[in-house]
N, C-alpha and C. Protein backbone atom coordinates (compact mmCIF):
# COMPACT_ATOMS: atom_id res chain seq x y z
N MET A 1 -11.63 -7.75 2.45
CA MET A 1 -13.06 -7.82 2.41
C MET A 1 -13.50 -7.95 0.96
N LYS A 2 -14.43 -8.84 0.73
CA LYS A 2 -14.85 -9.15 -0.63
C LYS A 2 -15.38 -7.92 -1.38
N ALA A 3 -16.08 -7.03 -0.68
CA ALA A 3 -16.63 -5.85 -1.33
C ALA A 3 -15.53 -4.98 -1.93
N TRP A 4 -14.43 -4.76 -1.20
CA TRP A 4 -13.32 -3.96 -1.73
C TRP A 4 -12.69 -4.65 -2.91
N ASP A 5 -12.56 -5.95 -2.84
CA ASP A 5 -11.97 -6.68 -3.96
C ASP A 5 -12.77 -6.44 -5.23
N GLU A 6 -14.07 -6.42 -5.12
CA GLU A 6 -14.93 -6.17 -6.29
C GLU A 6 -14.78 -4.74 -6.78
N ILE A 7 -14.68 -3.78 -5.87
CA ILE A 7 -14.52 -2.38 -6.25
C ILE A 7 -13.21 -2.20 -7.02
N TRP A 8 -12.14 -2.80 -6.53
CA TRP A 8 -10.83 -2.61 -7.14
C TRP A 8 -10.66 -3.36 -8.45
N LYS A 9 -11.64 -4.14 -8.85
CA LYS A 9 -11.59 -4.80 -10.15
C LYS A 9 -11.98 -3.83 -11.27
N THR A 10 -12.57 -2.69 -10.90
CA THR A 10 -13.00 -1.73 -11.91
C THR A 10 -12.04 -0.55 -11.96
N LYS A 11 -11.93 0.06 -13.12
CA LYS A 11 -11.07 1.23 -13.27
C LYS A 11 -11.56 2.37 -12.37
N GLU A 12 -12.86 2.58 -12.34
CA GLU A 12 -13.42 3.64 -11.52
C GLU A 12 -13.16 3.39 -10.04
N GLY A 13 -13.25 2.15 -9.62
CA GLY A 13 -13.01 1.80 -8.22
C GLY A 13 -11.58 2.05 -7.79
N LYS A 14 -10.64 1.76 -8.67
CA LYS A 14 -9.23 1.99 -8.35
C LYS A 14 -8.86 3.47 -8.37
N THR A 15 -9.47 4.23 -9.25
CA THR A 15 -9.11 5.63 -9.45
C THR A 15 -9.17 6.43 -8.15
N LEU A 16 -10.15 6.15 -7.31
CA LEU A 16 -10.29 6.89 -6.06
C LEU A 16 -9.20 6.57 -5.05
N TRP A 17 -8.41 5.53 -5.30
CA TRP A 17 -7.44 5.04 -4.33
C TRP A 17 -6.01 5.07 -4.85
N LEU A 18 -5.71 5.89 -5.83
CA LEU A 18 -4.37 5.93 -6.41
C LEU A 18 -3.50 7.06 -5.86
N GLU A 19 -4.09 8.10 -5.33
CA GLU A 19 -3.33 9.23 -4.80
C GLU A 19 -3.19 9.08 -3.28
N PRO A 20 -1.98 9.27 -2.77
CA PRO A 20 -1.79 9.20 -1.32
C PRO A 20 -2.61 10.25 -0.58
N ASP A 21 -3.10 9.89 0.57
CA ASP A 21 -3.83 10.82 1.42
C ASP A 21 -2.85 11.91 1.88
N PRO A 22 -3.25 13.18 1.87
CA PRO A 22 -2.35 14.25 2.27
C PRO A 22 -1.77 14.07 3.68
N PHE A 23 -2.57 13.53 4.60
CA PHE A 23 -2.05 13.30 5.95
C PHE A 23 -0.91 12.29 5.94
N VAL A 24 -1.08 11.20 5.21
CA VAL A 24 -0.02 10.19 5.13
C VAL A 24 1.22 10.80 4.48
N PHE A 25 1.02 11.56 3.41
CA PHE A 25 2.14 12.24 2.76
C PHE A 25 2.88 13.15 3.74
N SER A 26 2.13 13.82 4.61
CA SER A 26 2.75 14.75 5.56
C SER A 26 3.59 14.04 6.61
N LEU A 27 3.44 12.74 6.76
CA LEU A 27 4.22 11.98 7.74
C LEU A 27 5.65 11.70 7.28
N LEU A 28 5.91 11.80 5.99
CA LEU A 28 7.24 11.46 5.46
C LEU A 28 8.38 12.19 6.18
N PRO A 29 8.35 13.52 6.29
CA PRO A 29 9.46 14.20 6.96
C PRO A 29 9.63 13.78 8.42
N LYS A 30 8.52 13.60 9.11
CA LYS A 30 8.56 13.19 10.52
C LYS A 30 9.21 11.82 10.66
N PHE A 31 8.79 10.87 9.83
CA PHE A 31 9.35 9.51 9.89
C PHE A 31 10.84 9.53 9.58
N LYS A 32 11.24 10.31 8.59
CA LYS A 32 12.66 10.39 8.24
C LYS A 32 13.47 11.01 9.38
N ARG A 33 12.95 12.07 9.97
CA ARG A 33 13.62 12.73 11.09
C ARG A 33 13.81 11.78 12.27
N GLU A 34 12.81 10.94 12.50
CA GLU A 34 12.84 10.03 13.64
C GLU A 34 13.55 8.71 13.35
N GLY A 35 14.08 8.57 12.15
CA GLY A 35 14.84 7.37 11.81
C GLY A 35 14.01 6.14 11.50
N VAL A 36 12.74 6.33 11.19
CA VAL A 36 11.89 5.20 10.81
C VAL A 36 12.39 4.67 9.47
N ASN A 37 12.53 3.36 9.36
CA ASN A 37 12.95 2.81 8.07
C ASN A 37 12.05 1.68 7.58
N ARG A 38 11.15 1.19 8.44
CA ARG A 38 10.20 0.14 8.03
C ARG A 38 8.77 0.62 8.25
N ILE A 39 7.93 0.29 7.29
CA ILE A 39 6.52 0.68 7.33
C ILE A 39 5.67 -0.59 7.19
N LEU A 40 4.64 -0.70 8.02
CA LEU A 40 3.64 -1.76 7.87
C LEU A 40 2.35 -1.08 7.44
N ASP A 41 1.93 -1.35 6.22
CA ASP A 41 0.70 -0.77 5.66
C ASP A 41 -0.41 -1.80 5.83
N ILE A 42 -1.21 -1.60 6.86
CA ILE A 42 -2.33 -2.52 7.13
C ILE A 42 -3.52 -2.06 6.31
N GLY A 43 -3.97 -2.93 5.41
CA GLY A 43 -5.03 -2.55 4.48
C GLY A 43 -4.45 -1.69 3.38
N PHE A 44 -3.48 -2.25 2.65
CA PHE A 44 -2.74 -1.45 1.65
C PHE A 44 -3.56 -1.10 0.42
N GLU A 45 -4.76 -1.60 0.31
CA GLU A 45 -5.66 -1.28 -0.80
C GLU A 45 -5.02 -1.67 -2.13
N VAL A 46 -4.81 -0.69 -3.02
CA VAL A 46 -4.14 -0.97 -4.30
C VAL A 46 -2.70 -0.48 -4.28
N GLY A 47 -2.21 -0.03 -3.10
CA GLY A 47 -0.80 0.27 -2.94
C GLY A 47 -0.40 1.73 -2.87
N ARG A 48 -1.35 2.65 -2.82
CA ARG A 48 -1.00 4.07 -2.92
C ARG A 48 -0.01 4.53 -1.85
N HIS A 49 -0.19 4.11 -0.61
CA HIS A 49 0.74 4.53 0.44
C HIS A 49 1.99 3.67 0.47
N ALA A 50 1.84 2.39 0.17
CA ALA A 50 3.01 1.50 0.12
C ALA A 50 3.99 1.99 -0.95
N ILE A 51 3.47 2.35 -2.10
CA ILE A 51 4.32 2.85 -3.19
C ILE A 51 4.99 4.17 -2.78
N LEU A 52 4.22 5.06 -2.19
CA LEU A 52 4.77 6.33 -1.73
C LEU A 52 5.96 6.11 -0.81
N PHE A 53 5.79 5.28 0.21
CA PHE A 53 6.87 5.04 1.16
C PHE A 53 8.05 4.32 0.53
N ALA A 54 7.78 3.36 -0.33
CA ALA A 54 8.88 2.64 -1.00
C ALA A 54 9.70 3.58 -1.87
N LYS A 55 9.03 4.49 -2.59
CA LYS A 55 9.74 5.44 -3.44
C LYS A 55 10.60 6.40 -2.61
N GLU A 56 10.23 6.58 -1.36
CA GLU A 56 10.99 7.45 -0.46
C GLU A 56 12.08 6.69 0.30
N GLY A 57 12.26 5.40 -0.04
CA GLY A 57 13.35 4.63 0.54
C GLY A 57 13.01 3.79 1.76
N PHE A 58 11.76 3.73 2.14
CA PHE A 58 11.37 2.91 3.28
C PHE A 58 11.25 1.44 2.87
N ASP A 59 11.46 0.55 3.81
CA ASP A 59 11.25 -0.88 3.63
C ASP A 59 9.78 -1.13 3.96
N VAL A 60 8.98 -1.50 2.96
CA VAL A 60 7.52 -1.53 3.12
C VAL A 60 6.97 -2.95 3.13
N TYR A 61 6.16 -3.20 4.15
CA TYR A 61 5.41 -4.45 4.30
C TYR A 61 3.94 -4.09 4.28
N GLY A 62 3.11 -5.01 3.82
CA GLY A 62 1.69 -4.73 3.81
C GLY A 62 0.85 -5.98 3.87
N ILE A 63 -0.35 -5.81 4.40
CA ILE A 63 -1.31 -6.91 4.48
C ILE A 63 -2.68 -6.36 4.10
N ASP A 64 -3.42 -7.13 3.32
CA ASP A 64 -4.76 -6.75 2.89
C ASP A 64 -5.51 -8.03 2.54
N THR A 65 -6.82 -7.96 2.53
CA THR A 65 -7.63 -9.14 2.21
C THR A 65 -7.92 -9.29 0.72
N SER A 66 -7.56 -8.29 -0.08
CA SER A 66 -7.96 -8.27 -1.49
C SER A 66 -6.90 -8.83 -2.44
N PRO A 67 -7.19 -9.97 -3.08
CA PRO A 67 -6.27 -10.46 -4.10
C PRO A 67 -6.13 -9.48 -5.27
N THR A 68 -7.20 -8.78 -5.61
CA THR A 68 -7.14 -7.80 -6.69
C THR A 68 -6.22 -6.64 -6.31
N GLY A 69 -6.33 -6.17 -5.07
CA GLY A 69 -5.45 -5.11 -4.60
C GLY A 69 -3.99 -5.54 -4.61
N LEU A 70 -3.74 -6.77 -4.18
CA LEU A 70 -2.37 -7.31 -4.18
C LEU A 70 -1.80 -7.35 -5.59
N LYS A 71 -2.60 -7.84 -6.51
CA LYS A 71 -2.14 -7.94 -7.91
C LYS A 71 -1.82 -6.56 -8.47
N TYR A 72 -2.71 -5.60 -8.24
CA TYR A 72 -2.51 -4.25 -8.76
C TYR A 72 -1.28 -3.60 -8.12
N ALA A 73 -1.16 -3.69 -6.80
CA ALA A 73 -0.03 -3.08 -6.10
C ALA A 73 1.29 -3.69 -6.54
N THR A 74 1.30 -4.98 -6.76
CA THR A 74 2.52 -5.67 -7.20
C THR A 74 2.95 -5.18 -8.58
N LYS A 75 1.99 -5.07 -9.49
CA LYS A 75 2.31 -4.58 -10.84
C LYS A 75 2.76 -3.11 -10.80
N TRP A 76 2.11 -2.33 -9.97
CA TRP A 76 2.46 -0.92 -9.84
C TRP A 76 3.89 -0.79 -9.29
N ALA A 77 4.22 -1.60 -8.30
CA ALA A 77 5.57 -1.57 -7.72
C ALA A 77 6.62 -1.94 -8.77
N GLU A 78 6.33 -2.93 -9.59
CA GLU A 78 7.25 -3.31 -10.66
C GLU A 78 7.46 -2.14 -11.62
N LYS A 79 6.37 -1.49 -11.98
CA LYS A 79 6.43 -0.34 -12.90
C LYS A 79 7.27 0.79 -12.29
N GLU A 80 7.14 1.01 -10.98
CA GLU A 80 7.88 2.07 -10.28
C GLU A 80 9.28 1.64 -9.88
N LYS A 81 9.58 0.35 -10.10
CA LYS A 81 10.90 -0.21 -9.75
C LYS A 81 11.20 -0.09 -8.25
N VAL A 82 10.18 -0.42 -7.45
CA VAL A 82 10.34 -0.47 -5.99
C VAL A 82 9.93 -1.85 -5.50
N THR A 83 10.40 -2.18 -4.31
CA THR A 83 10.08 -3.48 -3.71
C THR A 83 9.07 -3.30 -2.59
N LEU A 84 8.02 -4.09 -2.64
CA LEU A 84 7.03 -4.16 -1.58
C LEU A 84 6.95 -5.60 -1.10
N LYS A 85 6.79 -5.79 0.18
CA LYS A 85 6.61 -7.12 0.75
C LYS A 85 5.16 -7.21 1.21
N LEU A 86 4.29 -7.62 0.30
CA LEU A 86 2.85 -7.64 0.53
C LEU A 86 2.33 -9.07 0.63
N ARG A 87 1.26 -9.22 1.39
CA ARG A 87 0.62 -10.53 1.47
C ARG A 87 -0.87 -10.38 1.77
N ILE A 88 -1.58 -11.44 1.49
CA ILE A 88 -3.01 -11.51 1.78
C ILE A 88 -3.17 -11.93 3.24
N GLY A 89 -4.07 -11.25 3.93
CA GLY A 89 -4.34 -11.61 5.32
C GLY A 89 -5.28 -10.63 5.97
N GLU A 90 -5.69 -10.99 7.17
CA GLU A 90 -6.61 -10.18 7.96
C GLU A 90 -5.83 -9.33 8.95
N MET A 91 -6.21 -8.08 9.09
CA MET A 91 -5.51 -7.22 10.04
C MET A 91 -5.74 -7.66 11.47
N SER A 92 -6.79 -8.40 11.71
CA SER A 92 -7.06 -8.88 13.06
C SER A 92 -6.22 -10.12 13.41
N ARG A 93 -5.52 -10.66 12.38
CA ARG A 93 -4.66 -11.83 12.60
C ARG A 93 -3.34 -11.61 11.89
N LEU A 94 -2.57 -10.65 12.40
CA LEU A 94 -1.28 -10.36 11.78
C LEU A 94 -0.32 -11.54 11.94
N PRO A 95 0.44 -11.82 10.88
CA PRO A 95 1.42 -12.93 10.98
C PRO A 95 2.57 -12.56 11.91
């Protein structure tokens, strides 16, 4: 969505979206126990949950409409030395 893309172009806009949500963080042990190894992050924003899961060893895919979010998440993943398979797209039309 264009509005999110504009928000994530600013430092202040990104700051609110850099820490993983506690609920998502709490899913890590459950997913590991159940043998989950792939994650699809629909609406990955700037990558906060995608990075979290990748750092924990999950194979992470993501889709979002924001080119700014994609660029930021990609750079963040490089910095963290993790691999994310992200692309631009609509959640209502998954590839």
